[in-house]
Amino acid sequence: MIAGAESKPDARPGRLYRGMRRTLFCAGLVALTLASCAPANRPPPAHPAAPAAPRAATASTHEKPPEIDLEPLRIRVVTGPEGEQTLEHYDARMLLDRGNEALAEGRWDDALRIYDQLVAEFPHASVLPLAHFNAAQALEGKRQWDKAIARYRKVISSGAEPRDATDAAVRIGVIDSELERWGDAAAQFEALLARTDLEPGDRIEAMARLGYVLVEQKAYVRAEKVLSEAVSYYSRVAQTRELETNYYVAMAYYYLANIPHRQAREVPLRVTSTKDEQLHQDLEAKRKLLMLAYDRYVVALQRRNPYWATAAGYQMSQMFKDFWDDVVTAPLPANLSAREAGFYKRALHDYVRDYLQKAMFGHTKNVELAQAYRTSTEWSRASEIRAKQIAEILSREGRGELVVPDAPEPPREPARDAARPAASDYVPARAEL
């Protein structure tokens, strides 16, 4: 996903490093990009990866001759606690409303019972697809993922409106992604993209989600192509119409950056001689990948979507800390005496301490960025934690201690609820796309 990328930043912020041997990041890049990003006017959209609002039956907006559509009505005798009897009447739409009320309140079992009653008593009702869709959401609430998928499939097969059928298909792919069934998720989004009736916003979302799945599969070349196509398609469509959200194009930019970032993490730092030729070659390979990743994260940040801006800000800041980890844990040059090794380690820590300061500054700015957007994301909260951790390392180093992590930190995203994130707290790198 590196070669042939079309996601070039609107303004180049400068390079991360200066030369092969002077492998320091350029000062102030994090501040330049994070501090200059003003909040967008509109609030962040709720992430569709979280179950949507309950589907309610609505009247058609198309003009048509007046007609009366009467759903079947049921009347039954209800016996009260003291033996009194009353008549209860209801139809499918009334049951749908009752189920939706329980769903909105998080009463998953009550909602399922009502939707199942609707399906059993009104098998030909026009709201049947909506009952299946909302029942699937209740099953997601209960974390019964495969049962939820089965209900979403019933939505598709029961003659649902195109909007509901598309959303059900997306949810199937999302659940498969959350469960890390990457092959199934990829097939689901590929099937969506093969359709010719997708709305532009749905197509961009499907491409972004498929790109994420391909990234997780390490199919980087194909992921690069799909995500670049999402960016290009968005640019064309946005010239003629206003799309509901820029969330998914920002996501595509983020994962275009995430590919070289992941590849840079996999580059080892090796020493094979006192001249350090291998170390410098490894540093140069890592440098090029991080330069590309950083520039692409800048573009993701510039999309001004609160969630993805803080995601990019986190990664841009953490690059400095990760590189510091790589350098201070790299093997020592060969043939150094114990005394020489001691001098070497201290000089190295003095030389790369500036990385830690830039990382702490960037994470601090990322927290401020979220505050400017009047929101809080998993990324901004992770940046707050990181800034404190780095401040502690700097304090210890200032007291003369040579702090070395036990091992380079694993490339994990901020922790989150694995398969049911809050609408505003979705971290796609684990399962979203």
Protein backbone atom coordinates (compact mmCIF):
# COMPACT_ATOMS: atom_id res chain seq x y z
CA MET A 1 0.00 0.00 0.00
CA ILE A 2 3.06 2.22 -0.32
CA ALA A 3 3.86 2.18 -4.01
CA GLY A 4 1.71 4.32 -6.26
CA ALA A 5 -0.21 6.05 -3.49
CA GLU A 6 -2.25 9.05 -4.51
CA SER A 7 -2.92 10.40 -1.01
CA LYS A 8 -0.46 13.28 -1.05
CA PRO A 9 -0.83 15.94 1.65
CA ASP A 10 -2.22 19.32 0.79
CA ALA A 11 0.88 20.96 2.22
CA ARG A 12 4.11 19.14 2.87
CA PRO A 13 5.09 19.60 6.51
CA GLY A 14 8.78 18.74 6.16
CA ARG A 15 10.60 15.48 6.60
CA LEU A 16 10.99 13.39 9.72
CA TYR A 17 14.72 12.86 9.51
CA ARG A 18 17.82 14.59 8.30
CA GLY A 19 20.28 12.17 6.72
CA MET A 20 21.18 8.58 7.27
CA ARG A 21 23.35 9.06 10.34
CA ARG A 22 21.43 11.99 11.81
CA THR A 23 18.20 10.08 12.25
CA LEU A 24 16.37 12.63 14.37
CA PHE A 25 12.87 13.72 13.44
CA CYS A 26 12.52 17.34 12.38
CA ALA A 27 11.59 19.48 15.36
CA GLY A 28 8.12 20.86 15.70
CA LEU A 29 6.28 18.79 13.10
CA VAL A 30 3.74 17.53 15.58
CA ALA A 31 3.13 21.02 16.86
CA LEU A 32 2.84 22.37 13.33
CA THR A 33 0.09 19.99 12.34
CA LEU A 34 -1.81 19.33 15.55
CA ALA A 35 -1.90 22.86 16.90
CA SER A 36 -3.04 24.32 13.58
CA CYS A 37 -6.05 22.02 13.19
CA ALA A 38 -9.20 23.94 14.06
CA PRO A 39 -12.38 22.06 14.90
CA ALA A 40 -14.93 21.45 12.19
CA ASN A 41 -18.26 23.19 12.45
CA ARG A 42 -20.35 20.06 12.47
CA PRO A 43 -20.23 17.52 15.35
CA PRO A 44 -18.54 14.16 14.81
CA PRO A 45 -20.88 11.61 13.22
CA ALA A 46 -21.86 8.54 15.15
CA HIS A 47 -19.86 5.63 13.86
CA PRO A 48 -22.04 3.16 11.94
CA ALA A 49 -19.98 0.33 13.39
CA ALA A 50 -22.05 0.68 16.51
CA PRO A 51 -25.63 -0.56 16.04
CA ALA A 52 -27.82 2.14 14.56
CA ALA A 53 -30.95 3.60 16.06
CA PRO A 54 -33.98 1.28 16.01
CA ARG A 55 -35.66 1.18 12.63
CA ALA A 56 -39.21 2.52 12.76
CA ALA A 57 -41.83 2.28 10.05
CA THR A 58 -42.13 5.51 8.09
CA ALA A 59 -44.40 6.76 5.38
CA SER A 60 -43.11 6.91 1.82
CA THR A 61 -41.93 10.30 0.56
CA HIS A 62 -43.02 9.51 -2.99
CA GLU A 63 -46.19 11.14 -4.14
CA LYS A 64 -48.94 8.61 -4.81
CA PRO A 65 -52.72 8.54 -4.79
CA PRO A 66 -54.25 8.40 -1.31
CA GLU A 67 -54.77 4.85 -0.17
CA ILE A 68 -55.50 3.11 3.10
CA ASP A 69 -53.20 0.28 4.10
CA LEU A 70 -54.64 -1.57 7.07
CA GLU A 71 -52.36 -4.03 8.84
CA PRO A 72 -54.03 -7.05 10.46
CA LEU A 73 -55.30 -6.31 13.96
CA ARG A 74 -55.29 -8.77 16.84
CA ILE A 75 -57.57 -8.64 19.86
CA ARG A 76 -57.10 -10.87 22.86
CA VAL A 77 -58.46 -11.19 26.38
CA VAL A 78 -55.92 -10.42 29.10
CA THR A 79 -56.47 -11.63 32.67
CA GLY A 80 -55.15 -9.30 35.36
CA PRO A 81 -53.52 -10.23 38.69
CA GLU A 82 -56.88 -10.20 40.48
CA GLY A 83 -58.74 -12.10 37.81
CA GLU A 84 -60.14 -9.10 35.98
CA GLN A 85 -60.30 -9.41 32.23
CA THR A 86 -59.63 -6.72 29.66
CA LEU A 87 -59.33 -6.60 25.91
CA GLU A 88 -55.94 -5.83 24.36
CA HIS A 89 -55.56 -4.92 20.72
CA TYR A 90 -52.38 -4.51 18.70
CA ASP A 91 -50.99 -4.76 15.22
CA ALA A 92 -47.50 -5.26 13.80
CA ARG A 93 -46.58 -1.60 13.89
CA MET A 94 -47.59 -1.29 17.52
CA LEU A 95 -45.37 -4.26 18.39
CA LEU A 96 -42.54 -2.73 16.41
CA ASP A 97 -42.85 0.49 18.42
CA ARG A 98 -42.86 -1.42 21.70
CA GLY A 99 -39.81 -3.39 20.69
CA ASN A 100 -38.01 -0.24 19.60
CA GLU A 101 -38.69 1.36 22.97
CA ALA A 102 -37.16 -1.62 24.77
CA LEU A 103 -34.21 -1.62 22.36
CA ALA A 104 -33.54 2.08 22.91
CA GLU A 105 -33.49 1.47 26.67
CA GLY A 106 -31.07 -1.45 26.35
CA ARG A 107 -33.62 -4.06 27.42
CA TRP A 108 -32.35 -6.60 24.91
CA ASP A 109 -34.40 -9.60 26.05
CA ASP A 110 -37.64 -7.63 26.15
CA ALA A 111 -36.95 -6.23 22.70
CA LEU A 112 -36.22 -9.69 21.29
CA ARG A 113 -39.37 -11.15 22.81
CA ILE A 114 -41.51 -8.44 21.23
CA TYR A 115 -39.84 -8.67 17.82
CA ASP A 116 -40.19 -12.46 17.86
CA GLN A 117 -43.86 -12.05 18.71
CA LEU A 118 -44.25 -9.74 15.73
CA VAL A 119 -42.53 -12.22 13.41
CA ALA A 120 -44.64 -15.14 14.69
CA GLU A 121 -48.02 -13.41 14.64
CA PHE A 122 -47.58 -11.18 11.58
CA PRO A 123 -45.36 -13.16 9.15
CA HIS A 124 -46.51 -11.08 6.18
CA ALA A 125 -46.40 -7.63 7.77
CA SER A 126 -44.72 -4.84 5.83
CA VAL A 127 -42.56 -4.03 8.89
CA LEU A 128 -41.17 -7.56 9.11
CA PRO A 129 -37.71 -6.58 7.74
CA LEU A 130 -37.49 -3.79 10.32
CA ALA A 131 -38.31 -6.26 13.10
CA HIS A 132 -35.50 -8.54 11.91
CA PHE A 133 -33.06 -5.62 11.68
CA ASN A 134 -33.82 -4.35 15.16
CA ALA A 135 -33.78 -7.88 16.58
CA ALA A 136 -30.26 -8.22 15.15
CA GLN A 137 -29.27 -5.07 17.01
CA ALA A 138 -30.63 -6.51 20.24
CA LEU A 139 -28.60 -9.65 19.63
CA GLU A 140 -25.53 -7.48 19.13
CA GLY A 141 -26.31 -5.94 22.49
CA LYS A 142 -26.29 -9.45 23.96
CA ARG A 143 -23.02 -10.18 22.12
CA GLN A 144 -24.60 -13.07 20.27
CA TRP A 145 -22.79 -12.24 17.08
CA ASP A 146 -23.63 -15.18 14.83
CA LYS A 147 -27.30 -14.99 15.77
CA ALA A 148 -27.18 -11.29 14.90
CA ILE A 149 -25.67 -12.12 11.51
CA ALA A 150 -28.46 -14.64 10.90
CA ARG A 151 -31.05 -11.94 11.59
CA TYR A 152 -29.31 -9.47 9.31
CA ARG A 153 -29.42 -12.09 6.57
CA LYS A 154 -33.18 -12.36 7.10
CA VAL A 155 -33.43 -8.61 6.57
CA ILE A 156 -31.76 -9.00 3.18
CA SER A 157 -33.91 -11.98 2.18
CA SER A 158 -37.23 -10.57 3.41
CA GLY A 159 -37.68 -7.83 0.84
CA ALA A 160 -36.29 -4.96 2.90
CA GLU A 161 -35.95 -1.46 1.53
CA PRO A 162 -32.57 -0.91 -0.17
CA ARG A 163 -31.38 1.30 2.69
CA ASP A 164 -32.05 -1.36 5.32
CA ALA A 165 -30.68 -4.18 3.17
CA THR A 166 -27.45 -2.25 2.60
CA ASP A 167 -27.06 -1.45 6.29
CA ALA A 168 -27.68 -5.10 7.18
CA ALA A 169 -24.99 -6.21 4.73
CA VAL A 170 -22.54 -3.70 6.23
CA ARG A 171 -23.30 -4.92 9.74
CA ILE A 172 -22.52 -8.49 8.74
CA GLY A 173 -19.12 -7.39 7.48
CA VAL A 174 -18.50 -5.33 10.59
CA ILE A 175 -19.27 -8.22 12.93
CA ASP A 176 -17.00 -10.54 10.95
CA SER A 177 -14.28 -7.90 11.23
CA GLU A 178 -14.81 -7.51 14.96
CA LEU A 179 -14.40 -11.26 15.34
CA GLU A 180 -11.27 -11.09 13.16
CA ARG A 181 -12.82 -13.32 10.53
CA TRP A 182 -10.98 -11.30 7.92
CA GLY A 183 -11.71 -13.55 4.96
CA ASP A 184 -15.46 -13.49 5.59
CA ALA A 185 -15.40 -9.73 6.14
CA ALA A 186 -13.47 -9.13 2.92
CA ALA A 187 -15.91 -11.27 0.95
CA GLN A 188 -18.85 -9.36 2.42
CA PHE A 189 -17.50 -5.94 1.49
CA GLU A 190 -16.39 -7.14 -1.93
CA ALA A 191 -19.93 -8.35 -2.58
CA LEU A 192 -21.24 -4.94 -1.57
CA LEU A 193 -18.85 -3.15 -3.90
CA ALA A 194 -19.90 -5.41 -6.77
CA ARG A 195 -23.38 -3.92 -6.61
CA THR A 196 -24.29 -1.14 -9.02
CA ASP A 197 -26.99 0.45 -6.87
CA LEU A 198 -24.87 1.61 -3.92
CA GLU A 199 -25.19 5.23 -2.87
CA PRO A 200 -21.86 7.12 -3.01
CA GLY A 201 -21.58 7.31 0.75
CA ASP A 202 -22.15 3.56 1.07
CA ARG A 203 -19.54 2.83 -1.59
CA ILE A 204 -16.93 4.97 0.14
CA GLU A 205 -17.70 3.25 3.45
CA ALA A 206 -17.44 -0.21 1.90
CA MET A 207 -14.10 0.65 0.29
CA ALA A 208 -12.72 2.04 3.55
CA ARG A 209 -13.88 -1.01 5.47
CA LEU A 210 -12.48 -3.40 2.88
CA GLY A 211 -9.19 -1.49 2.93
CA TYR A 212 -8.99 -1.95 6.68
CA VAL A 213 -9.63 -5.68 6.41
CA LEU A 214 -6.90 -5.99 3.78
CA VAL A 215 -4.49 -4.10 6.05
CA GLU A 216 -5.19 -6.57 8.83
CA GLN A 217 -4.55 -9.39 6.38
CA LYS A 218 -1.24 -7.69 5.45
CA ALA A 219 -2.39 -7.58 1.83
CA TYR A 220 -0.78 -4.15 1.64
CA VAL A 221 -0.58 -3.77 -2.14
CA ARG A 222 -4.27 -4.44 -2.62
CA ALA A 223 -5.21 -2.40 0.44
CA GLU A 224 -3.26 0.53 -0.99
CA LYS A 225 -5.23 0.26 -4.24
CA VAL A 226 -8.64 0.02 -2.56
CA LEU A 227 -8.02 2.87 -0.13
CA SER A 228 -6.58 5.10 -2.84
CA GLU A 229 -9.68 4.42 -4.93
CA ALA A 230 -11.86 5.42 -1.99
CA VAL A 231 -10.01 8.74 -1.73
CA SER A 232 -10.24 9.40 -5.46
CA TYR A 233 -13.92 8.45 -5.63
CA TYR A 234 -14.73 10.72 -2.69
CA SER A 235 -12.95 13.64 -4.39
CA ARG A 236 -14.98 13.15 -7.57
CA VAL A 237 -18.31 12.78 -5.82
CA ALA A 238 -17.72 15.72 -3.47
CA GLN A 239 -17.43 18.05 -6.47
CA THR A 240 -21.08 17.56 -7.37
CA ARG A 241 -22.86 16.76 -4.13
CA GLU A 242 -22.55 17.20 -0.38
CA LEU A 243 -21.94 13.89 1.35
CA GLU A 244 -23.36 13.19 4.77
CA THR A 245 -19.97 12.69 6.43
CA ASN A 246 -16.24 12.74 5.73
CA TYR A 247 -15.71 10.01 8.31
CA TYR A 248 -14.91 7.22 5.89
CA VAL A 249 -12.62 9.16 3.59
CA ALA A 250 -10.68 10.23 6.70
CA MET A 251 -10.56 6.56 7.65
CA ALA A 252 -9.16 5.70 4.22
CA TYR A 253 -6.45 8.34 4.61
CA TYR A 254 -5.63 6.98 8.07
CA TYR A 255 -5.11 3.44 6.83
CA LEU A 256 -3.10 4.63 3.86
CA ALA A 257 -0.74 6.04 6.51
CA ASN A 258 -1.03 2.99 8.70
CA ILE A 259 0.42 0.67 6.05
CA PRO A 260 3.94 2.16 5.87
CA HIS A 261 3.76 2.73 9.63
CA ARG A 262 3.20 -0.97 10.21
CA GLN A 263 5.93 -1.84 7.74
CA ALA A 264 8.37 0.49 9.50
CA ARG A 265 7.69 -1.29 12.79
CA GLU A 266 8.78 -4.54 11.20
CA VAL A 267 12.18 -3.22 10.08
CA PRO A 268 14.83 -4.56 12.51
CA LEU A 269 17.81 -2.51 13.67
CA ARG A 270 20.94 -4.67 13.36
CA VAL A 271 24.64 -4.22 14.02
CA THR A 272 27.13 -6.43 12.22
CA SER A 273 30.40 -4.48 12.51
CA THR A 274 32.05 -1.60 14.26
CA LYS A 275 31.30 0.61 11.26
CA ASP A 276 27.57 0.04 11.70
CA GLU A 277 26.83 -0.26 7.97
CA GLN A 278 23.90 -2.61 8.58
CA LEU A 279 22.48 -0.36 11.30
CA HIS A 280 22.55 2.64 8.98
CA GLN A 281 20.88 0.67 6.20
CA ASP A 282 18.13 -0.42 8.58
CA LEU A 283 17.68 3.11 9.86
CA GLU A 284 17.38 4.43 6.32
CA ALA A 285 14.75 1.81 5.44
CA LYS A 286 12.79 2.66 8.59
CA ARG A 287 13.23 6.39 7.89
CA LYS A 288 11.68 6.22 4.42
CA LEU A 289 8.65 4.29 5.63
CA LEU A 290 8.10 6.60 8.59
CA MET A 291 8.42 9.68 6.37
CA LEU A 292 5.64 8.36 4.15
CA ALA A 293 3.48 7.34 7.09
CA TYR A 294 3.92 10.70 8.80
CA ASP A 295 3.01 12.67 5.69
CA ARG A 296 -0.09 10.57 5.19
CA TYR A 297 -1.15 10.95 8.81
CA VAL A 298 -0.93 14.70 8.27
CA VAL A 299 -3.47 14.38 5.46
CA ALA A 300 -5.77 12.26 7.64
CA LEU A 301 -5.56 14.91 10.35
CA GLN A 302 -6.34 17.64 7.84
CA ARG A 303 -9.67 15.97 7.00
CA ARG A 304 -10.80 17.51 10.29
CA ASN A 305 -12.87 14.58 11.41
CA PRO A 306 -12.59 14.54 15.21
CA TYR A 307 -12.16 10.80 15.56
CA TRP A 308 -9.64 10.29 12.79
CA ALA A 309 -7.81 13.54 13.52
CA THR A 310 -7.05 12.35 17.05
CA ALA A 311 -6.18 8.89 15.71
CA ALA A 312 -3.65 10.43 13.33
CA GLY A 313 -2.37 12.77 16.04
CA TYR A 314 -1.78 9.84 18.36
CA GLN A 315 0.19 7.92 15.75
CA MET A 316 2.23 10.94 14.66
CA SER A 317 3.22 11.57 18.26
CA GLN A 318 3.85 7.95 19.11
CA MET A 319 6.25 7.64 16.17
CA PHE A 320 8.80 9.62 18.17
CA LYS A 321 8.46 7.35 21.20
CA ASP A 322 8.55 4.19 19.08
CA PHE A 323 11.70 5.33 17.33
CA TRP A 324 13.31 6.13 20.69
CA ASP A 325 12.43 2.59 21.79
CA ASP A 326 14.03 1.16 18.66
CA VAL A 327 17.24 3.13 19.06
CA VAL A 328 17.87 2.54 22.77
CA THR A 329 17.12 -1.18 22.45
CA ALA A 330 19.20 -1.69 19.29
CA PRO A 331 22.24 -3.99 19.69
CA LEU A 332 25.56 -2.36 20.53
CA PRO A 333 28.33 -2.16 17.95
CA ALA A 334 30.62 -5.17 18.00
CA ASN A 335 34.01 -5.26 19.73
CA LEU A 336 33.26 -2.53 22.30
CA SER A 337 34.87 -2.89 25.68
CA ALA A 338 32.71 -2.65 28.77
CA ARG A 339 33.94 0.91 29.37
CA GLU A 340 33.34 1.92 25.76
CA ALA A 341 29.87 0.37 25.84
CA GLY A 342 28.99 2.48 28.87
CA PHE A 343 30.07 5.70 27.14
CA TYR A 344 28.23 4.64 23.99
CA LYS A 345 24.94 4.03 25.82
CA ARG A 346 25.05 7.37 27.63
CA ALA A 347 25.89 9.30 24.47
CA LEU A 348 23.09 7.51 22.65
CA HIS A 349 20.51 8.35 25.32
CA ASP A 350 21.59 11.99 25.32
CA TYR A 351 21.35 12.06 21.54
CA VAL A 352 17.82 10.64 21.24
CA ARG A 353 16.22 12.20 24.33
CA ASP A 354 14.78 14.91 22.12
CA TYR A 355 12.51 12.26 20.57
CA LEU A 356 10.83 11.75 23.92
CA GLN A 357 10.24 15.46 24.35
CA LYS A 358 8.63 15.68 20.91
CA ALA A 359 6.47 12.64 21.67
CA MET A 360 5.26 14.12 24.95
CA PHE A 361 4.55 17.47 23.29
CA GLY A 362 2.63 15.80 20.45
CA HIS A 363 0.48 13.68 22.77
CA THR A 364 -0.29 16.74 24.88
CA LYS A 365 -1.39 18.60 21.75
CA ASN A 366 -3.56 15.67 20.72
CA VAL A 367 -5.43 15.89 24.01
CA GLU A 368 -5.93 19.60 23.38
CA LEU A 369 -7.13 18.85 19.87
CA ALA A 370 -9.89 16.61 21.20
CA GLN A 371 -10.85 19.33 23.65
CA ALA A 372 -11.06 21.81 20.77
CA TYR A 373 -13.48 19.44 19.07
CA ARG A 374 -15.40 19.23 22.34
CA THR A 375 -15.09 15.48 22.38
CA SER A 376 -13.01 12.67 23.81
CA THR A 377 -11.88 9.61 21.89
CA GLU A 378 -9.94 6.49 22.73
CA TRP A 379 -7.03 8.12 20.92
CA SER A 380 -7.03 11.33 22.92
CA ARG A 381 -7.37 9.40 26.16
CA ALA A 382 -4.49 7.14 25.09
CA SER A 383 -2.43 10.25 24.31
CA GLU A 384 -3.12 11.56 27.79
CA ILE A 385 -1.76 8.33 29.29
CA ARG A 386 1.23 8.30 26.95
CA ALA A 387 2.16 11.88 27.79
CA LYS A 388 2.30 11.00 31.50
CA GLN A 389 4.36 7.88 30.86
CA ILE A 390 6.86 9.77 28.72
CA ALA A 391 7.08 12.57 31.27
CA GLU A 392 8.08 9.97 33.88
CA ILE A 393 10.79 8.58 31.58
CA LEU A 394 12.15 12.08 30.95
CA SER A 395 12.20 12.73 34.68
CA ARG A 396 14.19 9.54 35.32
CA GLU A 397 16.56 10.30 32.47
CA GLY A 398 17.03 13.81 33.90
CA ARG A 399 18.20 12.22 37.15
CA GLY A 400 20.89 10.34 35.27
CA GLU A 401 19.10 7.00 34.79
CA LEU A 402 19.38 5.35 31.39
CA VAL A 403 15.83 4.12 30.93
CA VAL A 404 15.51 1.23 28.52
CA PRO A 405 12.19 -0.53 27.86
CA ASP A 406 12.25 -4.25 28.45
CA ALA A 407 11.25 -4.71 24.81
CA PRO A 408 9.86 -2.50 22.08
CA GLU A 409 6.20 -1.88 22.72
CA PRO A 410 3.84 -3.98 20.58
CA PRO A 411 2.01 -2.10 17.82
CA ARG A 412 -1.38 -2.15 19.47
CA GLU A 413 -4.15 0.37 19.22
CA PRO A 414 -5.76 1.83 22.34
CA ALA A 415 -7.81 -0.72 24.24
CA ARG A 416 -11.53 -0.75 23.59
CA ASP A 417 -14.58 -2.92 23.88
CA ALA A 418 -13.83 -5.59 21.30
CA ALA A 419 -17.03 -5.75 19.35
CA ARG A 420 -19.49 -3.16 20.62
CA PRO A 421 -17.73 0.21 20.82
CA ALA A 422 -19.59 3.34 21.77
CA ALA A 423 -20.68 5.41 18.79
CA SER A 424 -18.05 8.08 19.44
CA ASP A 425 -15.29 5.72 20.60
CA TYR A 426 -14.70 3.42 17.68
CA VAL A 427 -11.18 2.19 17.06
CA PRO A 428 -11.29 0.50 13.71
CA ALA A 429 -7.80 -0.90 13.65
CA ARG A 430 -8.97 -3.85 15.62
CA ALA A 431 -12.16 -4.76 13.94
CA GLU A 432 -14.06 -1.97 12.46
CA LEU A 433 -13.52 -2.20 8.77
